[in-house]
N, C-alpha and C. Protein backbone atom coordinates (compact mmCIF):
# COMPACT_ATOMS: atom_id res chain seq x y z
N MET A 1 107.08 124.87 75.43
CA MET A 1 106.97 123.48 75.41
C MET A 1 105.69 122.72 75.28
N SER A 2 105.75 121.89 74.72
CA SER A 2 104.28 121.41 74.11
C SER A 2 103.79 120.11 75.18
N ALA A 3 102.72 120.23 75.50
CA ALA A 3 101.98 119.15 76.15
C ALA A 3 101.55 117.59 74.92
N PRO A 4 101.50 116.76 75.93
CA PRO A 4 101.01 115.58 74.78
C PRO A 4 99.35 115.91 74.16
N GLU A 5 99.10 115.44 73.41
CA GLU A 5 97.77 115.25 72.58
C GLU A 5 96.46 114.98 73.62
N GLY A 6 95.68 115.66 74.05
CA GLY A 6 94.65 114.92 74.79
C GLY A 6 94.88 115.81 76.04
N SER A 7 96.01 116.28 76.64
CA SER A 7 96.32 117.04 77.56
C SER A 7 96.19 118.58 77.59
N ALA A 8 95.43 119.23 78.57
CA ALA A 8 95.41 120.59 78.51
C ALA A 8 96.67 121.24 79.29
N ALA A 9 97.53 120.55 79.73
CA ALA A 9 98.31 121.26 80.60
C ALA A 9 99.10 122.02 79.74
N HIS A 10 99.49 123.30 80.09
CA HIS A 10 100.68 124.06 79.41
C HIS A 10 101.65 123.74 80.31
N ILE A 11 102.98 123.50 79.88
CA ILE A 11 104.63 123.70 80.30
C ILE A 11 105.30 124.65 80.06
N ARG A 12 105.77 125.55 81.02
CA ARG A 12 106.67 126.37 80.88
C ARG A 12 107.74 126.35 82.33
N PHE A 13 108.65 127.02 81.64
CA PHE A 13 110.00 126.95 83.12
C PHE A 13 109.16 127.64 84.20
N ALA A 14 109.81 127.50 85.21
CA ALA A 14 109.47 128.14 86.66
C ALA A 14 109.76 129.46 86.38
N VAL A 15 109.23 130.53 87.43
CA VAL A 15 109.61 131.93 87.45
C VAL A 15 110.01 131.82 89.03
N PRO A 16 110.73 132.84 89.86
CA PRO A 16 110.58 133.16 90.83
C PRO A 16 109.00 133.22 91.61
N GLU A 17 108.42 133.97 91.25
CA GLU A 17 107.20 134.29 91.74
C GLU A 17 106.39 132.84 91.95
N ASP A 18 106.83 131.57 91.36
CA ASP A 18 106.13 130.34 91.63
C ASP A 18 106.63 129.82 92.78
N ALA A 19 107.55 130.24 93.56
CA ALA A 19 108.10 129.46 95.00
C ALA A 19 107.07 129.04 95.66
N ALA A 20 106.09 130.11 96.17
CA ALA A 20 105.20 129.67 97.06
C ALA A 20 104.16 128.90 96.78
N ALA A 21 103.47 128.84 95.44
CA ALA A 21 102.96 128.00 94.85
C ALA A 21 103.51 126.57 94.65
N LEU A 22 104.64 126.55 94.45
CA LEU A 22 105.24 125.29 94.23
C LEU A 22 105.51 124.47 95.59
N ASP A 23 105.92 125.27 96.71
CA ASP A 23 106.10 124.97 97.91
C ASP A 23 104.81 124.08 98.37
N ARG A 24 103.91 124.94 98.04
CA ARG A 24 102.54 124.60 98.51
C ARG A 24 102.12 122.96 98.10
N LEU A 25 102.14 122.97 96.52
CA LEU A 25 102.02 121.85 96.07
C LEU A 25 102.93 120.80 96.51
N ASP A 26 104.26 121.26 96.75
CA ASP A 26 105.11 119.80 97.43
C ASP A 26 104.14 119.34 98.85
N ARG A 27 103.99 120.47 100.03
CA ARG A 27 103.28 120.18 100.82
C ARG A 27 101.80 119.70 100.94
N ASP A 28 100.92 119.64 100.00
CA ASP A 28 99.55 119.08 99.61
C ASP A 28 99.74 117.73 99.06
N THR A 29 101.23 117.15 98.44
CA THR A 29 101.19 116.16 97.87
C THR A 29 102.20 115.34 98.73
N TRP A 30 102.56 115.66 99.71
CA TRP A 30 103.54 114.92 100.41
C TRP A 30 103.36 113.67 100.78
N SER A 31 104.02 112.39 100.46
CA SER A 31 103.80 110.96 101.00
C SER A 31 104.65 110.40 101.17
N TYR A 32 104.89 109.36 101.86
CA TYR A 32 106.26 108.40 101.68
C TYR A 32 106.16 107.46 100.55
N LEU A 33 104.93 107.74 99.91
CA LEU A 33 105.11 106.99 98.39
C LEU A 33 106.51 107.59 97.72
N HIS A 34 106.38 108.54 97.85
CA HIS A 34 107.33 109.12 96.64
C HIS A 34 108.29 110.39 97.41
N ALA A 35 107.98 110.25 98.98
CA ALA A 35 109.53 111.32 99.50
C ALA A 35 110.47 110.50 100.32
N VAL A 36 111.50 110.77 100.25
CA VAL A 36 112.57 110.31 101.17
C VAL A 36 112.97 110.78 102.24
N GLN A 37 112.28 112.05 102.64
CA GLN A 37 112.62 112.70 103.62
C GLN A 37 111.31 113.27 104.43
N PRO A 38 111.50 113.43 105.74
CA PRO A 38 110.11 114.09 106.21
C PRO A 38 109.87 115.05 105.79
N LEU A 39 108.42 115.70 105.86
CA LEU A 39 108.29 117.17 105.37
C LEU A 39 109.03 118.03 105.90
N PRO A 40 109.48 119.16 105.35
CA PRO A 40 110.25 120.01 106.37
C PRO A 40 109.04 121.23 107.16
N PRO A 41 109.85 121.41 108.13
CA PRO A 41 108.73 122.73 108.80
C PRO A 41 108.56 123.67 107.84
N GLU A 42 107.23 124.50 107.89
CA GLU A 42 107.20 125.70 107.48
C GLU A 42 107.56 126.88 107.79
N PRO A 43 108.33 128.05 106.96
CA PRO A 43 108.13 127.91 105.98
C PRO A 43 109.67 127.23 105.25
N SER A 44 109.62 127.16 103.98
CA SER A 44 110.54 126.12 103.44
C SER A 44 111.11 127.04 102.19
N PRO A 45 112.06 127.60 101.62
CA PRO A 45 112.30 128.24 100.21
C PRO A 45 112.47 127.01 99.26
N PHE A 46 111.32 127.30 97.98
CA PHE A 46 111.64 125.97 97.68
C PHE A 46 112.72 126.66 96.42
N PHE A 47 112.81 127.24 95.90
CA PHE A 47 114.21 127.33 95.22
C PHE A 47 115.50 127.52 95.79
N ASN A 48 116.56 127.38 95.99
CA ASN A 48 117.76 127.85 96.45
C ASN A 48 118.97 127.86 95.50
N GLU A 49 120.06 127.97 96.24
CA GLU A 49 121.29 127.91 95.17
C GLU A 49 121.63 126.66 94.35
N ARG A 50 121.56 125.85 94.39
CA ARG A 50 121.40 124.44 93.64
C ARG A 50 120.39 124.17 93.01
N PHE A 51 119.04 124.36 93.48
CA PHE A 51 117.93 124.41 92.35
C PHE A 51 117.35 125.69 91.90
N GLY A 52 117.45 126.47 90.68
CA GLY A 52 116.60 127.54 90.80
C GLY A 52 115.47 127.13 90.29
N PRO A 53 114.71 128.70 89.27
CA PRO A 53 113.40 128.41 88.63
C PRO A 53 114.01 127.65 87.37
N ARG A 54 115.03 127.96 86.73
CA ARG A 54 115.38 127.53 85.10
C ARG A 54 115.43 125.85 85.46
N ASP A 55 115.30 125.44 86.62
CA ASP A 55 115.79 124.04 86.94
C ASP A 55 114.46 123.28 87.14
N HIS A 56 113.46 124.01 86.93
CA HIS A 56 112.09 123.44 87.05
C HIS A 56 111.13 123.81 85.98
N LEU A 57 110.35 122.81 85.28
CA LEU A 57 109.23 123.04 84.58
C LEU A 57 107.99 123.09 85.55
N VAL A 58 107.08 123.89 84.82
CA VAL A 58 105.40 123.70 85.71
C VAL A 58 104.63 123.41 84.47
N ALA A 59 103.80 122.88 85.08
CA ALA A 59 102.11 122.41 84.43
C ALA A 59 101.08 123.56 84.87
N GLU A 60 100.67 124.14 84.23
CA GLU A 60 99.49 124.80 84.23
C GLU A 60 98.31 124.23 83.72
N LEU A 61 97.42 124.01 84.61
CA LEU A 61 95.88 123.90 84.11
C LEU A 61 94.66 124.96 84.42
N ASP A 62 94.14 125.79 83.40
CA ASP A 62 93.72 126.96 83.97
C ASP A 62 94.22 128.12 84.57
N GLY A 63 95.61 128.21 83.99
CA GLY A 63 96.50 129.40 84.85
C GLY A 63 96.68 128.91 85.75
N ARG A 64 96.81 127.71 86.73
CA ARG A 64 97.33 127.73 87.80
C ARG A 64 98.35 126.42 88.09
N ALA A 65 99.14 126.60 88.44
CA ALA A 65 100.45 125.78 88.83
C ALA A 65 99.65 124.38 89.44
N VAL A 66 99.59 123.17 88.60
CA VAL A 66 99.43 121.69 89.28
C VAL A 66 100.42 120.88 89.20
N GLY A 67 101.83 121.10 88.61
CA GLY A 67 102.50 120.21 88.70
C GLY A 67 104.07 120.81 88.61
N TYR A 68 105.06 120.09 88.75
CA TYR A 68 106.18 120.77 88.43
C TYR A 68 107.06 119.41 88.07
N VAL A 69 108.58 119.32 87.28
CA VAL A 69 109.48 118.36 87.20
C VAL A 69 111.02 119.38 87.53
N ARG A 70 111.99 118.79 88.25
CA ARG A 70 112.81 119.20 88.60
C ARG A 70 113.92 118.45 87.64
N LEU A 71 114.96 119.13 87.03
CA LEU A 71 115.87 118.50 86.13
C LEU A 71 117.24 118.96 86.43
N GLY A 72 118.17 118.24 86.76
CA GLY A 72 119.64 118.88 87.09
C GLY A 72 120.86 117.80 86.52
N LEU A 73 121.67 117.70 87.08
CA LEU A 73 122.73 117.12 86.93
C LEU A 73 122.73 116.26 88.12
N PRO A 74 123.16 115.27 87.87
CA PRO A 74 123.26 113.71 88.65
C PRO A 74 124.14 113.95 89.61
N THR A 75 125.55 114.51 89.28
CA THR A 75 126.29 114.83 90.10
C THR A 75 127.23 116.11 90.03
N PRO A 76 128.24 116.70 90.36
CA PRO A 76 128.98 117.99 90.21
C PRO A 76 130.25 117.72 89.50
N LEU A 77 130.16 116.35 89.29
CA LEU A 77 131.38 116.02 88.14
C LEU A 77 131.36 116.13 86.68
N GLU A 78 132.88 116.86 86.60
CA GLU A 78 132.41 116.87 84.91
C GLU A 78 132.03 115.64 83.93
N SER A 79 132.68 114.87 84.63
CA SER A 79 132.40 113.62 83.70
C SER A 79 130.64 113.15 83.84
N THR A 80 130.01 113.47 84.35
CA THR A 80 128.66 113.53 84.39
C THR A 80 127.86 114.35 83.62
N ALA A 81 128.42 115.37 83.20
CA ALA A 81 127.50 116.66 82.29
C ALA A 81 127.08 116.26 81.06
N HIS A 82 127.09 115.00 80.61
CA HIS A 82 126.40 114.79 79.38
C HIS A 82 125.03 113.99 79.80
N VAL A 83 124.68 113.93 81.32
CA VAL A 83 123.65 113.24 81.79
C VAL A 83 122.69 114.28 82.43
N ARG A 84 121.49 114.48 82.14
CA ARG A 84 120.42 114.93 83.27
C ARG A 84 119.62 113.75 83.69
N GLN A 85 119.18 114.44 85.11
CA GLN A 85 118.68 113.41 86.15
C GLN A 85 117.26 114.22 86.33
N ILE A 86 116.12 113.52 86.44
CA ILE A 86 114.92 113.77 87.00
C ILE A 86 114.85 113.99 88.48
N LEU A 87 114.90 115.08 89.12
CA LEU A 87 115.23 114.99 90.60
C LEU A 87 113.90 115.23 91.46
N GLY A 88 112.81 115.22 90.83
CA GLY A 88 111.78 115.45 91.50
C GLY A 88 110.38 115.47 90.57
N LEU A 89 109.35 115.31 91.04
CA LEU A 89 108.23 115.23 90.14
C LEU A 89 106.89 115.21 90.83
N THR A 90 105.97 116.02 91.04
CA THR A 90 104.83 116.08 91.68
C THR A 90 103.85 117.02 90.65
N VAL A 91 102.69 116.58 90.78
CA VAL A 91 101.47 116.41 90.45
C VAL A 91 100.42 116.30 91.22
N ALA A 92 99.39 117.46 91.42
CA ALA A 92 98.08 117.89 92.28
C ALA A 92 97.38 116.57 92.22
N GLU A 93 96.76 116.22 93.53
CA GLU A 93 95.64 115.20 93.09
C GLU A 93 94.77 115.10 92.45
N ALA A 94 94.05 116.37 92.33
CA ALA A 94 92.99 117.03 91.22
C ALA A 94 93.40 116.68 89.97
N ALA A 95 94.67 116.77 89.62
CA ALA A 95 95.01 117.03 88.51
C ALA A 95 95.54 115.58 87.79
N ARG A 96 95.84 114.60 88.49
CA ARG A 96 96.00 113.34 88.10
C ARG A 96 95.08 112.73 87.22
N ARG A 97 95.69 112.09 86.77
CA ARG A 97 95.02 111.42 85.32
C ARG A 97 94.51 112.05 84.05
N ARG A 98 95.28 113.26 84.12
CA ARG A 98 95.02 114.08 82.82
C ARG A 98 95.90 114.50 82.07
N GLY A 99 97.20 113.76 82.00
CA GLY A 99 98.34 113.60 80.91
C GLY A 99 99.26 115.15 81.79
N VAL A 100 98.96 115.52 82.92
CA VAL A 100 100.11 116.45 83.59
C VAL A 100 101.31 115.74 83.51
N GLY A 101 101.44 114.54 84.27
CA GLY A 101 102.57 113.99 84.41
C GLY A 101 103.07 113.42 83.25
N GLN A 102 102.57 113.26 82.40
CA GLN A 102 103.06 112.68 80.93
C GLN A 102 103.75 113.89 80.34
N ALA A 103 103.06 115.08 80.49
CA ALA A 103 103.53 116.26 79.82
C ALA A 103 104.77 117.01 80.48
N LEU A 104 104.80 116.45 81.90
CA LEU A 104 105.79 116.94 82.53
C LEU A 104 107.62 116.29 82.17
N VAL A 105 107.37 115.09 82.01
CA VAL A 105 108.37 114.02 81.99
C VAL A 105 108.74 114.21 80.20
N ARG A 106 107.74 114.32 79.16
CA ARG A 106 108.02 114.96 78.10
C ARG A 106 108.67 116.32 78.09
N GLY A 107 108.15 117.21 78.94
CA GLY A 107 109.19 118.43 78.87
C GLY A 107 110.40 118.38 79.02
N ALA A 108 110.37 117.29 80.09
CA ALA A 108 111.88 116.98 80.81
C ALA A 108 112.72 116.40 79.72
N ILE A 109 112.45 115.34 78.87
CA ILE A 109 113.46 115.05 78.27
C ILE A 109 113.26 115.93 76.98
N GLU A 110 112.53 116.51 76.43
CA GLU A 110 112.84 117.63 75.83
C GLU A 110 113.85 118.84 76.08
N LEU A 111 113.83 119.03 77.03
CA LEU A 111 114.90 119.90 77.95
C LEU A 111 116.13 119.47 77.82
N ALA A 112 116.04 118.38 78.21
CA ALA A 112 117.59 117.48 78.49
C ALA A 112 118.40 117.48 77.31
N ARG A 113 117.36 117.32 76.24
CA ARG A 113 118.11 117.21 74.59
C ARG A 113 118.38 118.66 74.43
N ARG A 114 117.97 119.52 74.46
CA ARG A 114 118.19 120.92 74.00
C ARG A 114 119.40 121.28 74.94
N GLN A 115 119.65 120.76 76.22
CA GLN A 115 120.60 121.26 76.93
C GLN A 115 121.69 120.19 76.14
N GLY A 116 121.75 119.35 75.53
CA GLY A 116 122.79 118.31 74.72
C GLY A 116 123.15 117.07 75.56
N ALA A 117 122.29 116.65 76.46
CA ALA A 117 122.34 115.52 77.22
C ALA A 117 122.40 114.16 76.31
N ARG A 118 122.83 113.25 76.65
CA ARG A 118 123.04 112.28 75.86
C ARG A 118 122.16 111.26 76.58
N ARG A 119 121.82 111.32 77.68
CA ARG A 119 120.82 110.40 78.60
C ARG A 119 120.06 110.92 79.39
N ILE A 120 119.23 110.51 80.21
CA ILE A 120 118.74 110.97 81.10
C ILE A 120 118.18 109.89 82.17
N THR A 121 118.19 110.12 83.46
CA THR A 121 118.04 109.07 84.53
C THR A 121 117.21 109.30 85.52
N LEU A 122 116.72 108.68 86.38
CA LEU A 122 115.98 108.91 87.77
C LEU A 122 116.12 107.96 88.56
N ARG A 123 115.33 108.55 89.97
CA ARG A 123 115.64 107.70 90.91
C ARG A 123 114.18 107.35 91.12
N VAL A 124 113.22 106.09 91.85
CA VAL A 124 112.12 106.21 91.81
C VAL A 124 112.29 104.82 92.76
N LEU A 125 110.96 105.00 94.12
CA LEU A 125 110.88 104.05 95.20
C LEU A 125 110.34 103.09 94.19
N GLY A 126 110.65 102.05 94.88
CA GLY A 126 110.12 100.74 94.60
C GLY A 126 108.50 100.66 94.40
N HIS A 127 108.51 100.92 95.80
CA HIS A 127 106.91 100.86 95.69
C HIS A 127 105.77 101.76 95.30
N ASN A 128 106.33 102.58 94.36
CA ASN A 128 105.92 103.93 93.78
C ASN A 128 105.24 103.32 92.28
N THR A 129 104.98 102.70 92.39
CA THR A 129 103.92 101.63 91.11
C THR A 129 103.53 102.69 90.14
N PRO A 130 102.43 103.94 90.32
CA PRO A 130 101.87 105.00 89.46
C PRO A 130 103.16 105.16 88.55
N ALA A 131 104.21 106.01 89.25
CA ALA A 131 105.47 106.60 88.90
C ALA A 131 105.97 105.58 87.79
N ARG A 132 106.40 104.42 88.61
CA ARG A 132 107.02 103.67 87.58
C ARG A 132 106.61 103.32 86.64
N LYS A 133 105.08 103.10 86.40
CA LYS A 133 104.65 103.06 84.99
C LYS A 133 104.64 104.20 84.36
N LEU A 134 104.20 105.15 84.83
CA LEU A 134 104.73 106.40 84.20
C LEU A 134 105.89 106.81 83.27
N TYR A 135 106.97 106.36 84.29
CA TYR A 135 108.28 106.58 83.34
C TYR A 135 108.58 105.40 82.49
N GLU A 136 108.16 104.14 82.53
CA GLU A 136 108.17 103.02 81.86
C GLU A 136 107.23 103.43 80.48
N ALA A 137 106.30 104.19 80.40
CA ALA A 137 105.37 104.50 79.32
C ALA A 137 105.99 105.61 78.27
N GLU A 138 106.96 106.28 79.23
CA GLU A 138 107.71 107.27 78.60
C GLU A 138 109.08 106.74 78.11
N GLY A 139 109.57 105.43 77.90
CA GLY A 139 110.77 105.14 77.50
C GLY A 139 111.80 104.90 78.56
N PHE A 140 111.46 105.00 79.77
CA PHE A 140 112.42 104.76 80.38
C PHE A 140 112.56 103.19 81.21
N VAL A 141 113.76 102.67 81.46
CA VAL A 141 113.83 101.48 81.43
C VAL A 141 114.68 101.49 83.07
N VAL A 142 114.41 100.04 83.62
CA VAL A 142 115.02 99.72 84.99
C VAL A 142 116.45 99.38 84.85
N GLU A 143 117.62 100.21 85.01
CA GLU A 143 118.85 99.92 84.84
C GLU A 143 119.74 99.55 86.45
N GLY A 144 118.94 99.28 87.39
CA GLY A 144 119.42 98.77 88.43
C GLY A 144 118.45 99.06 89.70
N VAL A 145 118.61 97.98 90.77
CA VAL A 145 117.44 98.13 91.97
C VAL A 145 118.87 98.06 93.25
N LEU A 146 118.42 98.97 94.01
CA LEU A 146 119.23 98.70 95.14
C LEU A 146 118.13 98.67 96.24
N PRO A 147 118.36 97.24 96.34
CA PRO A 147 117.22 96.63 97.61
C PRO A 147 117.31 97.24 98.84
N GLU A 148 116.17 97.44 99.45
CA GLU A 148 115.95 97.74 100.75
C GLU A 148 117.19 98.97 101.20
N GLU A 149 117.27 99.97 100.13
CA GLU A 149 118.42 101.12 100.39
C GLU A 149 117.78 102.31 101.11
N ILE A 150 116.41 102.15 101.36
CA ILE A 150 115.87 103.39 102.07
C ILE A 150 114.99 103.26 102.92
N GLN A 151 115.01 103.58 104.47
CA GLN A 151 114.04 103.07 105.26
C GLN A 151 113.36 104.36 105.24
N LEU A 152 112.02 103.95 105.42
CA LEU A 152 110.85 105.07 105.39
C LEU A 152 109.85 104.88 106.22
N ASP A 153 109.17 105.30 107.06
CA ASP A 153 108.19 105.18 108.20
C ASP A 153 108.18 103.81 108.50
N GLY A 154 109.40 103.16 109.04
CA GLY A 154 109.88 101.92 109.60
C GLY A 154 110.05 100.93 108.51
N ALA A 155 109.90 101.14 107.45
CA ALA A 155 109.74 99.95 106.32
C ALA A 155 111.21 100.27 105.27
N TYR A 156 111.81 99.50 104.72
CA TYR A 156 112.91 99.04 103.88
C TYR A 156 111.95 99.28 102.53
N VAL A 157 112.80 100.33 101.74
CA VAL A 157 112.00 100.36 100.00
C VAL A 157 113.36 100.10 99.56
N ASP A 158 113.22 99.47 98.08
CA ASP A 158 113.84 99.56 97.28
C ASP A 158 114.40 100.98 96.28
N ASP A 159 115.43 101.42 96.16
CA ASP A 159 115.50 102.47 95.15
C ASP A 159 115.65 102.03 94.01
N VAL A 160 114.93 102.36 92.62
CA VAL A 160 114.77 101.72 91.72
C VAL A 160 115.57 102.86 90.95
N LEU A 161 116.75 102.08 90.00
CA LEU A 161 117.18 103.37 89.11
C LEU A 161 116.78 103.44 87.49
N MET A 162 116.45 104.31 87.13
CA MET A 162 115.80 104.07 85.56
C MET A 162 116.73 105.29 84.58
N GLY A 163 117.06 104.88 83.38
CA GLY A 163 117.09 106.01 82.41
C GLY A 163 117.36 105.35 81.17
N GLN A 164 117.28 106.43 80.16
CA GLN A 164 117.30 106.06 78.70
C GLN A 164 118.11 107.10 77.79
N PRO A 165 118.60 106.30 76.51
CA PRO A 165 119.33 107.25 75.98
C PRO A 165 118.74 108.38 75.24
N LEU A 166 118.97 109.55 74.99
CA LEU A 166 118.36 110.42 74.15
C LEU A 166 119.19 110.80 72.86
């Protein structure tokens, strides 16, 4: 996978040995800005029967995992098999504003194309302005908004649906 110009991030598929580092990354970056569930108790297996290593791209800086993107099918239906969905994106605080998120999103788009997808979609919390700006910069457009769809920490938050053709 290639990183955007100016980014030092190396993008690669996850391997089983990444599980502990990616779980730690999730714990270190957890926030209601982007999470729709409470932080699970430790330990928490990162990979499972639904999402394995090949469903994740990992960003490395200086040989250390600093982010990942999870790409999968939006539903188990055959009728949506032509669509891929970004189901999670995390970047370590220290690696932000260094092109890591951009490299991961571009990697997910490239992977979706290689898998033969015709569309790529995602869902993002309405109040997550940094993520929304990143996705918009990479060609995603708002395709729908579910007002106050999610309740987080006592507040109602919009669920924003974004996508783009491939």
